[in-house]
N, C-alpha and C. Protein backbone atom coordinates (compact mmCIF):
# COMPACT_ATOMS: atom_id res chain seq x y z
N MET A 1 -14.50 24.69 -37.92
CA MET A 1 -14.90 26.08 -37.81
C MET A 1 -14.21 26.68 -36.58
N THR A 2 -13.03 27.21 -36.81
CA THR A 2 -12.19 27.73 -35.73
C THR A 2 -12.41 29.23 -35.55
N VAL A 3 -12.35 29.70 -34.30
CA VAL A 3 -12.43 31.12 -33.97
C VAL A 3 -11.02 31.61 -33.66
N PHE A 4 -10.54 32.57 -34.44
CA PHE A 4 -9.25 33.21 -34.23
C PHE A 4 -9.47 34.34 -33.24
N ILE A 5 -8.70 34.39 -32.17
CA ILE A 5 -8.84 35.45 -31.17
C ILE A 5 -7.68 36.43 -31.35
N SER A 6 -8.04 37.66 -31.72
CA SER A 6 -7.07 38.72 -31.97
C SER A 6 -7.05 39.66 -30.76
N TYR A 7 -5.87 40.01 -30.28
CA TYR A 7 -5.78 40.83 -29.07
C TYR A 7 -4.41 41.49 -28.99
N ARG A 8 -4.35 42.55 -28.23
CA ARG A 8 -3.08 43.18 -27.90
C ARG A 8 -2.57 42.51 -26.62
N HIS A 9 -1.27 42.39 -26.50
CA HIS A 9 -0.67 41.70 -25.35
C HIS A 9 -1.24 42.19 -24.02
N SER A 10 -1.48 43.48 -23.90
CA SER A 10 -2.01 44.02 -22.64
C SER A 10 -3.44 43.54 -22.35
N ASP A 11 -4.12 43.01 -23.36
CA ASP A 11 -5.48 42.48 -23.18
C ASP A 11 -5.50 40.95 -23.12
N ARG A 12 -4.36 40.37 -22.86
CA ARG A 12 -4.21 38.91 -22.89
C ARG A 12 -5.18 38.21 -21.94
N ASN A 13 -5.38 38.75 -20.74
CA ASN A 13 -6.26 38.08 -19.78
C ASN A 13 -7.70 37.99 -20.29
N VAL A 14 -8.17 39.05 -20.92
CA VAL A 14 -9.52 39.03 -21.50
C VAL A 14 -9.57 38.00 -22.62
N ALA A 15 -8.54 37.99 -23.47
CA ALA A 15 -8.47 37.03 -24.59
C ALA A 15 -8.47 35.60 -24.06
N PHE A 16 -7.71 35.35 -23.00
CA PHE A 16 -7.70 34.00 -22.41
C PHE A 16 -9.07 33.62 -21.88
N GLY A 17 -9.77 34.58 -21.27
CA GLY A 17 -11.13 34.31 -20.77
C GLY A 17 -12.09 33.94 -21.90
N ILE A 18 -12.01 34.67 -23.00
CA ILE A 18 -12.85 34.38 -24.17
C ILE A 18 -12.49 33.00 -24.71
N ASN A 19 -11.20 32.74 -24.84
CA ASN A 19 -10.72 31.46 -25.34
C ASN A 19 -11.25 30.31 -24.48
N GLU A 20 -11.13 30.45 -23.17
CA GLU A 20 -11.58 29.40 -22.26
C GLU A 20 -13.09 29.17 -22.38
N TYR A 21 -13.86 30.26 -22.44
CA TYR A 21 -15.31 30.13 -22.56
C TYR A 21 -15.70 29.42 -23.86
N LEU A 22 -15.09 29.82 -24.96
CA LEU A 22 -15.41 29.20 -26.25
C LEU A 22 -15.04 27.72 -26.25
N GLN A 23 -13.87 27.40 -25.71
CA GLN A 23 -13.46 25.99 -25.67
C GLN A 23 -14.39 25.17 -24.79
N ARG A 24 -14.79 25.71 -23.64
CA ARG A 24 -15.76 25.01 -22.78
C ARG A 24 -17.09 24.80 -23.50
N SER A 25 -17.37 25.68 -24.45
CA SER A 25 -18.61 25.58 -25.25
C SER A 25 -18.44 24.66 -26.45
N GLY A 26 -17.26 24.04 -26.56
CA GLY A 26 -17.02 23.09 -27.64
C GLY A 26 -16.59 23.72 -28.95
N ILE A 27 -16.13 24.96 -28.89
CA ILE A 27 -15.73 25.68 -30.10
C ILE A 27 -14.21 25.72 -30.19
N PRO A 28 -13.64 25.24 -31.29
CA PRO A 28 -12.18 25.29 -31.44
C PRO A 28 -11.71 26.73 -31.64
N THR A 29 -10.59 27.06 -31.02
CA THR A 29 -10.06 28.42 -31.08
C THR A 29 -8.59 28.41 -31.49
N TYR A 30 -8.12 29.60 -31.87
CA TYR A 30 -6.70 29.79 -32.15
C TYR A 30 -6.25 31.07 -31.46
N MET A 31 -5.20 30.96 -30.65
CA MET A 31 -4.52 32.11 -30.06
C MET A 31 -3.04 31.93 -30.32
N ASP A 32 -2.40 32.95 -30.84
CA ASP A 32 -0.99 32.83 -31.20
C ASP A 32 -0.11 32.40 -30.03
N VAL A 33 -0.40 32.89 -28.85
CA VAL A 33 0.45 32.59 -27.70
C VAL A 33 0.38 31.11 -27.31
N LEU A 34 -0.67 30.42 -27.73
CA LEU A 34 -0.83 29.00 -27.43
C LEU A 34 -0.31 28.11 -28.57
N ASP A 35 0.18 28.72 -29.63
CA ASP A 35 0.65 27.99 -30.80
C ASP A 35 2.18 27.93 -30.80
N PRO A 36 2.75 26.74 -30.61
CA PRO A 36 4.21 26.62 -30.59
C PRO A 36 4.87 27.15 -31.87
N GLU A 37 4.19 26.98 -33.01
CA GLU A 37 4.78 27.46 -34.27
C GLU A 37 4.96 28.98 -34.25
N SER A 38 4.00 29.70 -33.69
CA SER A 38 4.11 31.16 -33.68
C SER A 38 5.19 31.63 -32.71
N GLN A 39 5.57 30.78 -31.78
CA GLN A 39 6.61 31.14 -30.82
C GLN A 39 8.01 30.81 -31.32
N SER A 40 8.09 30.03 -32.39
CA SER A 40 9.40 29.56 -32.84
C SER A 40 9.69 29.88 -34.30
N THR A 41 9.04 30.87 -34.84
CA THR A 41 9.26 31.20 -36.24
C THR A 41 9.80 32.61 -36.39
N GLU A 42 10.50 32.82 -37.47
CA GLU A 42 10.97 34.17 -37.79
C GLU A 42 9.92 34.91 -38.61
N ASN A 43 9.00 34.17 -39.22
CA ASN A 43 8.00 34.79 -40.07
C ASN A 43 6.62 34.69 -39.42
N ILE A 44 6.42 35.47 -38.37
CA ILE A 44 5.16 35.44 -37.63
C ILE A 44 4.00 35.88 -38.52
N THR A 45 4.25 36.80 -39.45
CA THR A 45 3.19 37.27 -40.34
C THR A 45 2.62 36.11 -41.14
N GLU A 46 3.47 35.25 -41.64
CA GLU A 46 3.02 34.09 -42.41
C GLU A 46 2.19 33.14 -41.55
N VAL A 47 2.61 32.91 -40.33
CA VAL A 47 1.88 32.02 -39.41
C VAL A 47 0.51 32.61 -39.10
N ILE A 48 0.46 33.90 -38.80
CA ILE A 48 -0.81 34.56 -38.48
C ILE A 48 -1.75 34.51 -39.69
N THR A 49 -1.23 34.87 -40.86
CA THR A 49 -2.05 34.86 -42.08
C THR A 49 -2.60 33.48 -42.36
N LYS A 50 -1.76 32.46 -42.22
CA LYS A 50 -2.19 31.07 -42.46
C LYS A 50 -3.31 30.68 -41.50
N ASN A 51 -3.18 31.04 -40.24
CA ASN A 51 -4.19 30.64 -39.25
C ASN A 51 -5.48 31.43 -39.36
N ILE A 52 -5.40 32.66 -39.80
CA ILE A 52 -6.63 33.42 -40.07
C ILE A 52 -7.36 32.79 -41.26
N ALA A 53 -6.60 32.41 -42.28
CA ALA A 53 -7.20 31.78 -43.47
C ALA A 53 -7.88 30.46 -43.11
N LYS A 54 -7.37 29.76 -42.10
CA LYS A 54 -7.96 28.49 -41.67
C LYS A 54 -9.17 28.69 -40.76
N SER A 55 -9.35 29.89 -40.25
CA SER A 55 -10.43 30.17 -39.30
C SER A 55 -11.67 30.66 -40.04
N THR A 56 -12.82 30.36 -39.48
CA THR A 56 -14.08 30.85 -40.05
C THR A 56 -14.58 32.09 -39.33
N HIS A 57 -14.08 32.32 -38.11
CA HIS A 57 -14.53 33.44 -37.29
C HIS A 57 -13.33 34.12 -36.65
N LEU A 58 -13.48 35.42 -36.36
CA LEU A 58 -12.44 36.17 -35.64
C LEU A 58 -13.12 37.05 -34.61
N ILE A 59 -12.64 36.98 -33.38
CA ILE A 59 -13.07 37.91 -32.34
C ILE A 59 -11.88 38.78 -32.01
N ALA A 60 -12.05 40.09 -32.17
CA ALA A 60 -10.99 41.05 -31.86
C ALA A 60 -11.28 41.69 -30.51
N VAL A 61 -10.36 41.53 -29.57
CA VAL A 61 -10.48 42.15 -28.25
C VAL A 61 -10.03 43.60 -28.42
N ILE A 62 -10.92 44.54 -28.08
CA ILE A 62 -10.66 45.96 -28.30
C ILE A 62 -10.65 46.69 -26.96
N SER A 63 -9.58 47.45 -26.72
CA SER A 63 -9.47 48.28 -25.52
C SER A 63 -8.84 49.61 -25.93
N GLN A 64 -8.63 50.48 -24.96
CA GLN A 64 -7.98 51.75 -25.28
C GLN A 64 -6.57 51.52 -25.83
N GLU A 65 -5.91 50.45 -25.39
CA GLU A 65 -4.55 50.16 -25.84
C GLU A 65 -4.49 49.62 -27.27
N THR A 66 -5.61 49.16 -27.79
CA THR A 66 -5.62 48.57 -29.13
C THR A 66 -5.19 49.58 -30.18
N ALA A 67 -5.44 50.85 -29.92
CA ALA A 67 -5.05 51.89 -30.88
C ALA A 67 -3.55 51.88 -31.16
N GLN A 68 -2.75 51.42 -30.21
CA GLN A 68 -1.30 51.35 -30.41
C GLN A 68 -0.85 50.02 -31.01
N SER A 69 -1.78 49.14 -31.27
CA SER A 69 -1.43 47.82 -31.80
C SER A 69 -1.34 47.86 -33.32
N TRP A 70 -0.36 47.18 -33.85
CA TRP A 70 -0.27 46.99 -35.30
C TRP A 70 -0.92 45.67 -35.68
N TRP A 71 -0.84 44.70 -34.78
CA TRP A 71 -1.29 43.35 -35.11
C TRP A 71 -2.80 43.22 -35.20
N VAL A 72 -3.54 43.80 -34.26
CA VAL A 72 -5.00 43.63 -34.28
C VAL A 72 -5.59 44.18 -35.58
N PRO A 73 -5.28 45.41 -36.00
CA PRO A 73 -5.81 45.87 -37.29
C PRO A 73 -5.34 45.01 -38.47
N PHE A 74 -4.09 44.54 -38.42
CA PHE A 74 -3.59 43.66 -39.48
C PHE A 74 -4.43 42.39 -39.55
N GLU A 75 -4.69 41.79 -38.38
CA GLU A 75 -5.45 40.53 -38.34
C GLU A 75 -6.89 40.74 -38.82
N ILE A 76 -7.49 41.86 -38.44
CA ILE A 76 -8.84 42.16 -38.92
C ILE A 76 -8.82 42.35 -40.43
N GLY A 77 -7.81 43.04 -40.93
CA GLY A 77 -7.68 43.23 -42.38
C GLY A 77 -7.54 41.92 -43.11
N GLU A 78 -6.73 41.02 -42.58
CA GLU A 78 -6.57 39.69 -43.18
C GLU A 78 -7.90 38.94 -43.19
N ALA A 79 -8.65 39.07 -42.11
CA ALA A 79 -9.93 38.36 -42.01
C ALA A 79 -10.95 38.90 -43.01
N THR A 80 -10.87 40.19 -43.34
CA THR A 80 -11.84 40.75 -44.29
C THR A 80 -11.59 40.29 -45.72
N ILE A 81 -10.38 39.82 -46.00
CA ILE A 81 -10.06 39.35 -47.34
C ILE A 81 -10.90 38.11 -47.69
N SER A 82 -11.09 37.26 -46.69
CA SER A 82 -11.93 36.07 -46.90
C SER A 82 -13.30 36.35 -46.30
N ALA A 83 -14.12 35.37 -46.23
CA ALA A 83 -15.47 35.54 -45.68
C ALA A 83 -15.50 35.23 -44.19
N THR A 84 -14.44 35.57 -43.49
CA THR A 84 -14.37 35.33 -42.05
C THR A 84 -15.43 36.16 -41.33
N ARG A 85 -16.11 35.54 -40.39
CA ARG A 85 -17.08 36.26 -39.57
C ARG A 85 -16.29 37.02 -38.52
N ILE A 86 -16.55 38.31 -38.39
CA ILE A 86 -15.77 39.17 -37.50
C ILE A 86 -16.70 39.77 -36.46
N ALA A 87 -16.24 39.77 -35.21
CA ALA A 87 -16.94 40.45 -34.13
C ALA A 87 -15.88 41.05 -33.21
N SER A 88 -16.23 42.16 -32.58
CA SER A 88 -15.30 42.75 -31.61
C SER A 88 -15.82 42.49 -30.20
N PHE A 89 -14.89 42.44 -29.26
CA PHE A 89 -15.24 42.34 -27.84
C PHE A 89 -14.55 43.50 -27.15
N ARG A 90 -15.35 44.49 -26.75
CA ARG A 90 -14.81 45.71 -26.17
C ARG A 90 -14.63 45.55 -24.67
N THR A 91 -13.47 45.97 -24.18
CA THR A 91 -13.19 45.93 -22.74
C THR A 91 -13.19 47.35 -22.21
N GLY A 92 -13.83 47.55 -21.08
CA GLY A 92 -13.85 48.88 -20.48
C GLY A 92 -14.45 49.89 -21.43
N TYR A 93 -14.14 51.15 -21.18
CA TYR A 93 -14.63 52.18 -22.09
C TYR A 93 -13.58 52.41 -23.15
N SER A 94 -13.92 52.09 -24.35
CA SER A 94 -13.02 52.35 -25.46
C SER A 94 -13.88 52.66 -26.67
N GLN A 95 -13.53 53.72 -27.35
CA GLN A 95 -14.26 54.09 -28.55
C GLN A 95 -13.79 53.20 -29.69
N LEU A 96 -14.75 52.59 -30.36
CA LEU A 96 -14.40 51.72 -31.48
C LEU A 96 -14.06 52.55 -32.71
N PRO A 97 -13.05 52.12 -33.44
CA PRO A 97 -12.81 52.76 -34.73
C PRO A 97 -14.04 52.56 -35.62
N GLU A 98 -14.31 53.53 -36.48
CA GLU A 98 -15.50 53.46 -37.32
C GLU A 98 -15.61 52.16 -38.11
N TYR A 99 -14.50 51.68 -38.62
CA TYR A 99 -14.56 50.49 -39.46
C TYR A 99 -15.03 49.24 -38.70
N LEU A 100 -14.95 49.23 -37.38
CA LEU A 100 -15.43 48.08 -36.60
C LEU A 100 -16.94 48.10 -36.39
N GLU A 101 -17.56 49.23 -36.64
CA GLU A 101 -18.99 49.35 -36.39
C GLU A 101 -19.84 48.53 -37.35
N MET A 102 -19.25 48.09 -38.46
CA MET A 102 -20.01 47.29 -39.42
C MET A 102 -20.22 45.85 -38.94
N TRP A 103 -19.47 45.41 -37.94
CA TRP A 103 -19.56 44.05 -37.43
C TRP A 103 -20.16 44.05 -36.02
N PRO A 104 -20.64 42.89 -35.56
CA PRO A 104 -21.21 42.81 -34.22
C PRO A 104 -20.21 43.26 -33.15
N GLN A 105 -20.74 43.98 -32.15
CA GLN A 105 -19.92 44.50 -31.06
C GLN A 105 -20.37 43.87 -29.75
N MET A 106 -19.47 43.13 -29.15
CA MET A 106 -19.77 42.48 -27.87
C MET A 106 -19.02 43.22 -26.76
N SER A 107 -19.56 43.14 -25.55
CA SER A 107 -18.87 43.78 -24.43
C SER A 107 -19.13 43.07 -23.10
N GLN A 108 -19.88 41.98 -23.12
CA GLN A 108 -20.18 41.27 -21.87
C GLN A 108 -20.38 39.77 -22.14
N GLN A 109 -20.38 39.03 -21.07
CA GLN A 109 -20.50 37.57 -21.14
C GLN A 109 -21.74 37.14 -21.91
N SER A 110 -22.85 37.81 -21.68
CA SER A 110 -24.09 37.42 -22.36
C SER A 110 -23.96 37.56 -23.88
N HIS A 111 -23.14 38.50 -24.33
CA HIS A 111 -22.91 38.65 -25.77
C HIS A 111 -22.11 37.46 -26.32
N LEU A 112 -21.15 36.98 -25.53
CA LEU A 112 -20.40 35.78 -25.94
C LEU A 112 -21.34 34.58 -26.04
N GLU A 113 -22.29 34.49 -25.12
CA GLU A 113 -23.27 33.40 -25.17
C GLU A 113 -24.07 33.47 -26.46
N LEU A 114 -24.43 34.68 -26.88
CA LEU A 114 -25.17 34.86 -28.13
C LEU A 114 -24.29 34.51 -29.33
N PHE A 115 -23.00 34.84 -29.25
CA PHE A 115 -22.05 34.46 -30.30
C PHE A 115 -22.03 32.94 -30.44
N VAL A 116 -21.97 32.25 -29.31
CA VAL A 116 -21.94 30.78 -29.33
C VAL A 116 -23.22 30.23 -29.96
N LYS A 117 -24.37 30.80 -29.62
CA LYS A 117 -25.64 30.34 -30.21
C LYS A 117 -25.63 30.52 -31.73
N GLU A 118 -25.18 31.67 -32.18
CA GLU A 118 -25.16 31.94 -33.63
C GLU A 118 -24.15 31.03 -34.33
N TYR A 119 -23.01 30.83 -33.70
CA TYR A 119 -21.98 29.93 -34.23
C TYR A 119 -22.56 28.52 -34.38
N ARG A 120 -23.22 28.05 -33.33
CA ARG A 120 -23.79 26.70 -33.36
C ARG A 120 -24.87 26.57 -34.43
N GLY A 121 -25.68 27.61 -34.59
CA GLY A 121 -26.70 27.59 -35.63
C GLY A 121 -26.08 27.47 -37.01
N GLU A 122 -25.02 28.21 -37.22
CA GLU A 122 -24.32 28.15 -38.51
C GLU A 122 -23.65 26.79 -38.70
N LYS A 123 -23.06 26.27 -37.63
CA LYS A 123 -22.41 24.97 -37.72
C LYS A 123 -23.43 23.87 -38.00
N SER A 124 -24.58 23.96 -37.37
CA SER A 124 -25.64 22.98 -37.59
C SER A 124 -26.08 23.00 -39.05
N LEU A 125 -26.23 24.17 -39.61
CA LEU A 125 -26.58 24.30 -41.02
C LEU A 125 -25.51 23.66 -41.90
N ALA A 126 -24.26 23.91 -41.56
CA ALA A 126 -23.14 23.36 -42.34
C ALA A 126 -23.09 21.84 -42.25
N VAL A 127 -23.37 21.29 -41.07
CA VAL A 127 -23.33 19.83 -40.89
C VAL A 127 -24.51 19.18 -41.60
N ASN A 128 -25.69 19.79 -41.49
CA ASN A 128 -26.88 19.22 -42.12
C ASN A 128 -26.85 19.29 -43.64
N ASN A 129 -26.19 20.28 -44.16
CA ASN A 129 -26.04 20.45 -45.61
C ASN A 129 -24.57 20.42 -45.94
N ARG A 130 -24.04 19.26 -46.13
CA ARG A 130 -22.59 19.08 -46.33
C ARG A 130 -22.02 20.07 -47.34
N GLY A 131 -22.71 20.30 -48.43
CA GLY A 131 -22.22 21.23 -49.44
C GLY A 131 -22.18 22.66 -48.96
N VAL A 132 -23.04 22.98 -47.99
CA VAL A 132 -23.08 24.34 -47.47
C VAL A 132 -21.84 24.66 -46.66
N PHE A 133 -21.21 23.61 -46.07
CA PHE A 133 -20.05 23.86 -45.23
C PHE A 133 -18.97 24.61 -45.99
N ASP A 134 -18.62 24.12 -47.17
CA ASP A 134 -17.60 24.80 -47.95
C ASP A 134 -18.07 26.18 -48.36
N SER A 135 -19.34 26.28 -48.74
CA SER A 135 -19.88 27.57 -49.11
C SER A 135 -19.91 28.51 -47.91
N ALA A 136 -20.28 27.98 -46.75
CA ALA A 136 -20.36 28.81 -45.55
C ALA A 136 -19.01 29.38 -45.20
N ARG A 137 -17.97 28.66 -45.51
CA ARG A 137 -16.63 29.13 -45.19
C ARG A 137 -16.20 30.24 -46.13
N THR A 138 -16.65 30.20 -47.37
CA THR A 138 -16.13 31.14 -48.36
C THR A 138 -17.14 32.17 -48.84
N SER A 139 -18.40 31.99 -48.58
CA SER A 139 -19.41 32.89 -49.12
C SER A 139 -19.59 34.14 -48.26
N LYS A 140 -19.47 35.29 -48.89
CA LYS A 140 -19.67 36.55 -48.17
C LYS A 140 -21.11 36.71 -47.71
N SER A 141 -22.06 36.10 -48.44
CA SER A 141 -23.45 36.23 -48.02
C SER A 141 -23.70 35.48 -46.71
N TYR A 142 -23.05 34.33 -46.52
CA TYR A 142 -23.18 33.62 -45.25
C TYR A 142 -22.55 34.44 -44.12
N ALA A 143 -21.44 35.08 -44.39
CA ALA A 143 -20.80 35.93 -43.38
C ALA A 143 -21.71 37.10 -43.04
N ALA A 144 -22.31 37.71 -44.05
CA ALA A 144 -23.22 38.83 -43.82
C ALA A 144 -24.42 38.39 -42.98
N ASP A 145 -24.93 37.19 -43.25
CA ASP A 145 -26.04 36.65 -42.44
C ASP A 145 -25.61 36.48 -40.99
N PHE A 146 -24.42 35.92 -40.78
CA PHE A 146 -23.92 35.73 -39.41
C PHE A 146 -23.83 37.08 -38.70
N HIS A 147 -23.24 38.08 -39.37
CA HIS A 147 -23.08 39.40 -38.76
C HIS A 147 -24.44 40.02 -38.42
N ARG A 148 -25.36 39.97 -39.36
CA ARG A 148 -26.68 40.55 -39.15
C ARG A 148 -27.41 39.83 -38.01
N ASN A 149 -27.38 38.50 -38.03
CA ASN A 149 -28.07 37.73 -36.99
C ASN A 149 -27.49 37.98 -35.60
N LEU A 150 -26.16 38.03 -35.50
CA LEU A 150 -25.55 38.27 -34.19
C LEU A 150 -25.83 39.69 -33.71
N LYS A 151 -25.76 40.66 -34.61
CA LYS A 151 -26.10 42.05 -34.23
C LYS A 151 -27.53 42.11 -33.69
N ASN A 152 -28.45 41.43 -34.38
CA ASN A 152 -29.85 41.42 -33.93
C ASN A 152 -30.00 40.74 -32.57
N ARG A 153 -29.31 39.63 -32.37
CA ARG A 153 -29.37 38.94 -31.07
C ARG A 153 -28.86 39.87 -29.96
N ILE A 154 -27.75 40.55 -30.21
CA ILE A 154 -27.17 41.43 -29.20
C ILE A 154 -28.12 42.58 -28.89
N SER A 155 -28.72 43.18 -29.91
CA SER A 155 -29.62 44.31 -29.66
C SER A 155 -30.89 43.87 -28.94
N ARG A 156 -31.37 42.64 -29.22
CA ARG A 156 -32.55 42.11 -28.53
C ARG A 156 -32.22 41.56 -27.15
N GLY A 157 -30.98 41.09 -26.99
CA GLY A 157 -30.58 40.49 -25.73
C GLY A 157 -30.86 39.00 -25.64
N PHE A 158 -31.24 38.39 -26.77
CA PHE A 158 -31.47 36.93 -26.78
C PHE A 158 -31.29 36.39 -28.18
């Protein structure tokens, strides 16, 4: 259950911070800049698409500069094709595009902690019910549950 981290180059430091926190929490992550294949290919679109398809979750780092990015919206679009769990992490003051409002919106460390709790709960369910793991990866209802549960955790603060 890998988390794909989507970001604009100018938001790289925030993305690295999220990546480090998730990895310290025992969660596998994917960042293109850390992938030798993405640095040495002519078909970056294929590499990105392949790695999003392998991921169960995507966190999109959103800032004012994201509006000029082609890659972040592309990566979010690719993630919506499958049952990838999507959440945004907003930096500074930036207005979210309307289409991002349907997914959980994070903006602080405590929200990442809640993401980790929800991720672990889902992973525990997948491990305890071996058959659920494959379903959890592909079922839109499991993704909807993840989104709803994380949104509720964020609004409650726990």
